[in-house]
Amino acid sequence: MIEARPIEEPALAWSNLSETTRAALTRKLEGLYGGGGDEAIFDQLSVDKQQALLIFLRRFLSLELWDAVRRIENLYGEGGVGMSFSAWPYLKSMLDRRTGFTTLFARHHNTTRGFIERGTRRASLHILYNDAGARSHWEAHFDLYSPWTSPFSAWRHLLHEKIRRETPDWRVIGTSLGYLKSRDEG
């Protein structure tokens, strides 16, 4: 059987991003991977990291959480879609007050607290933090199946993401969130 390979996406360029996107990313990428300014870093990111960043930006903006992100520290878009970041101290209190997030079963091993987005059938945002005193460490990733939507979705989450260890890439998450067209839509 011949395995279908994903179509390679071209790298994006900072200069081609919208002014609004560039403004939202300003000072958030500085120093990422030992790089310099936002433009140089963005242009040097692999396609999966560029796409993951834009997915997080769009989702965090829609949830009005982006301003609480201080600086991006790591990104990945293959083998899951995630980012590590530093945040302003008010992010935790913002998430604590949000009814769209729950802390129930949201914590992972070696984390202080976790928050899982509720009310989404697919691609639910999962935010974790580890309280390290003056400087907390934050991580975010997407779970393809929300454990809080229905018993069937919880089962799919357990089966695919916990037992089988399947991790959706940026194409799957972007399509699930409606940010990208599926291959079937052409």
C-alpha atoms as a PDB file:
ATOM      1  CA  MET A   1       0.000   0.000   0.000  1.00  0.00           C
ATOM      2  CA  ILE A   2       1.335   3.435  -0.920  1.00  0.00           C
ATOM      3  CA  GLU A   3       1.244   5.874   1.959  1.00  0.00           C
ATOM      4  CA  ALA A   4      -0.134   9.327   1.172  1.00  0.00           C
ATOM      5  CA  ARG A   5       2.346  12.051   2.020  1.00  0.00           C
ATOM      6  CA  PRO A   6       1.075  15.469   3.021  1.00  0.00           C
ATOM      7  CA  ILE A   7       1.553  18.227   0.500  1.00  0.00           C
ATOM      8  CA  GLU A   8       4.464  20.382   1.565  1.00  0.00           C
ATOM      9  CA  GLU A   9       3.363  23.845   2.532  1.00  0.00           C
ATOM     10  CA  PRO A  10       5.592  26.768   1.631  1.00  0.00           C
ATOM     11  CA  ALA A  11       7.229  28.699   4.446  1.00  0.00           C
ATOM     12  CA  LEU A  12       5.548  31.955   5.371  1.00  0.00           C
ATOM     13  CA  ALA A  13       7.300  35.310   5.494  1.00  0.00           C
ATOM     14  CA  TRP A  14       6.881  37.949   8.185  1.00  0.00           C
ATOM     15  CA  SER A  15       6.471  40.616   5.491  1.00  0.00           C
ATOM     16  CA  ASN A  16       3.443  38.763   4.085  1.00  0.00           C
ATOM     17  CA  LEU A  17       1.615  38.548   7.417  1.00  0.00           C
ATOM     18  CA  SER A  18      -1.167  41.023   8.014  1.00  0.00           C
ATOM     19  CA  GLU A  19      -0.326  44.146   9.952  1.00  0.00           C
ATOM     20  CA  THR A  20      -2.647  42.961  12.734  1.00  0.00           C
ATOM     21  CA  THR A  21      -0.847  39.609  13.002  1.00  0.00           C
ATOM     22  CA  ARG A  22       2.591  41.242  13.042  1.00  0.00           C
ATOM     23  CA  ALA A  23       1.420  43.669  15.756  1.00  0.00           C
ATOM     24  CA  ALA A  24       0.067  40.799  17.876  1.00  0.00           C
ATOM     25  CA  LEU A  25       3.362  38.892  17.580  1.00  0.00           C
ATOM     26  CA  THR A  26       5.584  41.893  18.289  1.00  0.00           C
ATOM     27  CA  ARG A  27       8.046  41.184  21.135  1.00  0.00           C
ATOM     28  CA  LYS A  28       6.553  37.716  21.696  1.00  0.00           C
ATOM     29  CA  LEU A  29       9.231  35.887  19.672  1.00  0.00           C
ATOM     30  CA  GLU A  30      12.352  37.795  20.706  1.00  0.00           C
ATOM     31  CA  GLY A  31      15.124  35.422  21.720  1.00  0.00           C
ATOM     32  CA  LEU A  32      13.236  32.283  20.652  1.00  0.00           C
ATOM     33  CA  TYR A  33      15.770  29.578  19.732  1.00  0.00           C
ATOM     34  CA  GLY A  34      18.589  32.052  20.347  1.00  0.00           C
ATOM     35  CA  GLY A  35      17.391  34.322  17.552  1.00  0.00           C
ATOM     36  CA  GLY A  36      17.114  38.063  17.396  1.00  0.00           C
ATOM     37  CA  GLY A  37      13.991  40.042  16.575  1.00  0.00           C
ATOM     38  CA  ASP A  38      10.499  38.850  15.744  1.00  0.00           C
ATOM     39  CA  GLU A  39      10.846  39.120  11.956  1.00  0.00           C
ATOM     40  CA  ALA A  40      14.106  37.182  11.711  1.00  0.00           C
ATOM     41  CA  ILE A  41      12.879  34.481  14.079  1.00  0.00           C
ATOM     42  CA  PHE A  42       9.526  34.046  12.337  1.00  0.00           C
ATOM     43  CA  ASP A  43      11.176  33.782   8.923  1.00  0.00           C
ATOM     44  CA  GLN A  44      13.574  31.096  10.226  1.00  0.00           C
ATOM     45  CA  LEU A  45      10.867  28.924  11.816  1.00  0.00           C
ATOM     46  CA  SER A  46       9.956  25.668  10.075  1.00  0.00           C
ATOM     47  CA  VAL A  47       6.525  25.603   8.449  1.00  0.00           C
ATOM     48  CA  ASP A  48       4.990  23.462  11.220  1.00  0.00           C
ATOM     49  CA  LYS A  49       6.149  25.937  13.880  1.00  0.00           C
ATOM     50  CA  GLN A  50       4.914  28.943  11.885  1.00  0.00           C
ATOM     51  CA  GLN A  51       1.525  27.316  11.429  1.00  0.00           C
ATOM     52  CA  ALA A  52       1.297  26.220  15.079  1.00  0.00           C
ATOM     53  CA  LEU A  53       2.116  29.765  16.174  1.00  0.00           C
ATOM     54  CA  LEU A  54      -0.614  31.221  13.977  1.00  0.00           C
ATOM     55  CA  ILE A  55      -3.142  28.654  15.233  1.00  0.00           C
ATOM     56  CA  PHE A  56      -2.333  29.561  18.856  1.00  0.00           C
ATOM     57  CA  LEU A  57      -2.421  33.263  18.082  1.00  0.00           C
ATOM     58  CA  ARG A  58      -5.840  32.993  16.480  1.00  0.00           C
ATOM     59  CA  ARG A  59      -7.288  30.783  19.239  1.00  0.00           C
ATOM     60  CA  PHE A  60      -5.837  32.831  22.116  1.00  0.00           C
ATOM     61  CA  LEU A  61      -7.069  36.056  20.471  1.00  0.00           C
ATOM     62  CA  SER A  62     -10.582  34.640  20.092  1.00  0.00           C
ATOM     63  CA  LEU A  63     -10.538  33.685  23.794  1.00  0.00           C
ATOM     64  CA  GLU A  64      -9.073  37.092  24.738  1.00  0.00           C
ATOM     65  CA  LEU A  65      -6.023  35.431  26.328  1.00  0.00           C
ATOM     66  CA  TRP A  66      -3.259  36.581  23.961  1.00  0.00           C
ATOM     67  CA  ASP A  67      -2.349  39.714  25.918  1.00  0.00           C
ATOM     68  CA  ALA A  68      -1.465  37.497  28.894  1.00  0.00           C
ATOM     69  CA  VAL A  69       1.241  35.725  26.848  1.00  0.00           C
ATOM     70  CA  ARG A  70       4.530  37.416  27.592  1.00  0.00           C
ATOM     71  CA  ARG A  71       6.980  35.519  25.368  1.00  0.00           C
ATOM     72  CA  ILE A  72       6.972  32.297  23.320  1.00  0.00           C
ATOM     73  CA  GLU A  73       9.678  29.860  24.440  1.00  0.00           C
ATOM     74  CA  ASN A  74       9.048  26.824  22.220  1.00  0.00           C
ATOM     75  CA  LEU A  75       6.702  25.735  19.426  1.00  0.00           C
ATOM     76  CA  TYR A  76       5.802  22.503  17.713  1.00  0.00           C
ATOM     77  CA  GLY A  77       3.284  21.585  15.041  1.00  0.00           C
ATOM     78  CA  GLU A  78       4.258  17.991  14.178  1.00  0.00           C
ATOM     79  CA  GLY A  79       3.672  15.224  16.687  1.00  0.00           C
ATOM     80  CA  GLY A  80       1.100  17.453  18.345  1.00  0.00           C
ATOM     81  CA  VAL A  81       0.478  21.179  18.345  1.00  0.00           C
ATOM     82  CA  GLY A  82       1.913  22.968  21.332  1.00  0.00           C
ATOM     83  CA  MET A  83       3.821  25.882  22.725  1.00  0.00           C
ATOM     84  CA  SER A  84       5.716  26.754  25.876  1.00  0.00           C
ATOM     85  CA  PHE A  85       5.568  30.346  27.004  1.00  0.00           C
ATOM     86  CA  SER A  86       6.011  32.777  29.819  1.00  0.00           C
ATOM     87  CA  ALA A  87       2.911  34.666  30.859  1.00  0.00           C
ATOM     88  CA  TRP A  88       1.958  37.727  32.797  1.00  0.00           C
ATOM     89  CA  PRO A  89       0.826  36.869  36.348  1.00  0.00           C
ATOM     90  CA  TYR A  90      -2.852  37.546  35.625  1.00  0.00           C
ATOM     91  CA  LEU A  91      -3.249  34.611  33.209  1.00  0.00           C
ATOM     92  CA  LYS A  92      -3.965  32.140  36.018  1.00  0.00           C
ATOM     93  CA  SER A  93      -6.687  34.330  37.531  1.00  0.00           C
ATOM     94  CA  MET A  94      -8.192  34.902  34.070  1.00  0.00           C
ATOM     95  CA  LEU A  95      -8.439  31.155  33.489  1.00  0.00           C
ATOM     96  CA  ASP A  96      -9.754  30.512  37.013  1.00  0.00           C
ATOM     97  CA  ARG A  97     -12.687  32.848  36.278  1.00  0.00           C
ATOM     98  CA  ARG A  98     -13.535  31.429  32.858  1.00  0.00           C
ATOM     99  CA  THR A  99     -16.559  29.144  32.742  1.00  0.00           C
ATOM    100  CA  GLY A 100     -15.337  27.866  29.361  1.00  0.00           C
ATOM    101  CA  PHE A 101     -12.410  26.145  31.098  1.00  0.00           C
ATOM    102  CA  THR A 102     -12.306  23.472  33.771  1.00  0.00           C
ATOM    103  CA  THR A 103      -9.502  22.336  36.039  1.00  0.00           C
ATOM    104  CA  LEU A 104     -11.095  18.924  36.612  1.00  0.00           C
ATOM    105  CA  PHE A 105      -8.667  16.227  35.388  1.00  0.00           C
ATOM    106  CA  ALA A 106      -6.705  18.947  33.578  1.00  0.00           C
ATOM    107  CA  ARG A 107      -3.431  18.684  35.459  1.00  0.00           C
ATOM    108  CA  HIS A 108      -0.581  16.582  34.072  1.00  0.00           C
ATOM    109  CA  HIS A 109       2.248  14.922  35.962  1.00  0.00           C
ATOM    110  CA  ASN A 110       4.867  17.501  37.024  1.00  0.00           C
ATOM    111  CA  THR A 111       2.503  20.463  36.669  1.00  0.00           C
ATOM    112  CA  THR A 112       0.910  22.633  39.315  1.00  0.00           C
ATOM    113  CA  ARG A 113      -2.400  23.179  37.564  1.00  0.00           C
ATOM    114  CA  GLY A 114      -4.157  22.667  34.269  1.00  0.00           C
ATOM    115  CA  PHE A 115      -7.118  24.109  32.418  1.00  0.00           C
ATOM    116  CA  ILE A 116      -9.060  22.364  29.637  1.00  0.00           C
ATOM    117  CA  GLU A 117     -11.406  24.217  27.345  1.00  0.00           C
ATOM    118  CA  ARG A 118     -14.999  23.002  27.560  1.00  0.00           C
ATOM    119  CA  GLY A 119     -17.734  23.342  24.979  1.00  0.00           C
ATOM    120  CA  THR A 120     -15.677  22.370  21.942  1.00  0.00           C
ATOM    121  CA  ARG A 121     -16.178  19.015  20.290  1.00  0.00           C
ATOM    122  CA  ARG A 122     -12.756  18.923  18.675  1.00  0.00           C
ATOM    123  CA  ALA A 123      -9.433  20.684  19.128  1.00  0.00           C
ATOM    124  CA  SER A 124      -9.924  21.812  22.709  1.00  0.00           C
ATOM    125  CA  LEU A 125      -7.226  24.004  24.176  1.00  0.00           C
ATOM    126  CA  HIS A 126      -5.357  22.525  27.149  1.00  0.00           C
ATOM    127  CA  ILE A 127      -3.234  24.951  29.189  1.00  0.00           C
ATOM    128  CA  LEU A 128      -0.836  23.824  31.911  1.00  0.00           C
ATOM    129  CA  TYR A 129       1.450  25.637  34.261  1.00  0.00           C
ATOM    130  CA  ASN A 130       4.126  24.795  36.733  1.00  0.00           C
ATOM    131  CA  ASP A 131       4.562  27.294  39.527  1.00  0.00           C
ATOM    132  CA  ALA A 132       8.281  27.930  39.854  1.00  0.00           C
ATOM    133  CA  GLY A 133       8.065  30.809  42.297  1.00  0.00           C
ATOM    134  CA  ALA A 134       8.729  34.161  40.683  1.00  0.00           C
ATOM    135  CA  ARG A 135       8.672  32.657  37.216  1.00  0.00           C
ATOM    136  CA  SER A 136       5.913  30.228  36.282  1.00  0.00           C
ATOM    137  CA  HIS A 137       6.307  28.001  33.260  1.00  0.00           C
ATOM    138  CA  TRP A 138       3.296  27.684  30.951  1.00  0.00           C
ATOM    139  CA  GLU A 139       2.471  25.216  28.202  1.00  0.00           C
ATOM    140  CA  ALA A 140      -0.474  24.893  25.864  1.00  0.00           C
ATOM    141  CA  HIS A 141      -1.487  22.197  23.419  1.00  0.00           C
ATOM    142  CA  PHE A 142      -4.595  21.029  21.633  1.00  0.00           C
ATOM    143  CA  ASP A 143      -6.423  17.809  22.415  1.00  0.00           C
ATOM    144  CA  LEU A 144      -8.139  16.639  19.237  1.00  0.00           C
ATOM    145  CA  TYR A 145     -11.046  15.108  21.147  1.00  0.00           C
ATOM    146  CA  SER A 146     -12.423  17.014  24.092  1.00  0.00           C
ATOM    147  CA  PRO A 147     -12.876  14.851  27.170  1.00  0.00           C
ATOM    148  CA  TRP A 148     -15.665  17.194  28.325  1.00  0.00           C
ATOM    149  CA  THR A 149     -18.058  17.257  25.368  1.00  0.00           C
ATOM    150  CA  SER A 150     -19.682  13.845  25.689  1.00  0.00           C
ATOM    151  CA  PRO A 151     -18.924  10.335  26.929  1.00  0.00           C
ATOM    152  CA  PHE A 152     -18.157   9.306  23.322  1.00  0.00           C
ATOM    153  CA  SER A 153     -15.710  12.186  22.911  1.00  0.00           C
ATOM    154  CA  ALA A 154     -14.097  11.313  26.254  1.00  0.00           C
ATOM    155  CA  TRP A 155     -13.717   7.720  25.032  1.00  0.00           C
ATOM    156  CA  ARG A 156     -12.135   8.924  21.773  1.00  0.00           C
ATOM    157  CA  HIS A 157      -9.765  11.148  23.762  1.00  0.00           C
ATOM    158  CA  LEU A 158      -8.743   8.225  25.952  1.00  0.00           C
ATOM    159  CA  LEU A 159      -8.359   5.803  23.031  1.00  0.00           C
ATOM    160  CA  HIS A 160      -6.571   8.023  20.520  1.00  0.00           C
ATOM    161  CA  GLU A 161      -4.537  10.371  22.661  1.00  0.00           C
ATOM    162  CA  LYS A 162      -3.793   8.386  25.810  1.00  0.00           C
ATOM    163  CA  ILE A 163      -3.762   4.705  24.779  1.00  0.00           C
ATOM    164  CA  ARG A 164      -2.625   4.960  21.146  1.00  0.00           C
ATOM    165  CA  ARG A 165      -0.542   8.103  21.792  1.00  0.00           C
ATOM    166  CA  GLU A 166      -1.787   9.690  18.555  1.00  0.00           C
ATOM    167  CA  THR A 167      -0.899  13.347  18.309  1.00  0.00           C
ATOM    168  CA  PRO A 168      -2.560  15.442  15.609  1.00  0.00           C
ATOM    169  CA  ASP A 169      -0.387  17.826  13.624  1.00  0.00           C
ATOM    170  CA  TRP A 170      -1.099  21.473  12.771  1.00  0.00           C
ATOM    171  CA  ARG A 171      -3.079  20.515   9.650  1.00  0.00           C
ATOM    172  CA  VAL A 172      -5.558  18.403  11.651  1.00  0.00           C
ATOM    173  CA  ILE A 173      -5.937  20.974  14.447  1.00  0.00           C
ATOM    174  CA  GLY A 174      -6.215  23.914  12.035  1.00  0.00           C
ATOM    175  CA  THR A 175      -8.885  22.093  10.029  1.00  0.00           C
ATOM    176  CA  SER A 176     -10.772  21.038  13.188  1.00  0.00           C
ATOM    177  CA  LEU A 177     -10.886  24.658  14.348  1.00  0.00           C
ATOM    178  CA  GLY A 178     -12.082  25.802  10.905  1.00  0.00           C
ATOM    179  CA  TYR A 179      -8.890  27.807  10.285  1.00  0.00           C
ATOM    180  CA  LEU A 180      -7.800  25.669   7.319  1.00  0.00           C
ATOM    181  CA  LYS A 181      -9.670  23.987   4.503  1.00  0.00           C
ATOM    182  CA  SER A 182      -9.685  20.220   4.582  1.00  0.00           C
ATOM    183  CA  ARG A 183      -8.040  18.430   1.657  1.00  0.00           C
ATOM    184  CA  ASP A 184     -11.521  17.266   0.591  1.00  0.00           C
ATOM    185  CA  GLU A 185     -12.690  20.862   0.174  1.00  0.00           C
ATOM    186  CA  GLY A 186      -9.922  21.477  -2.317  1.00  0.00           C
END
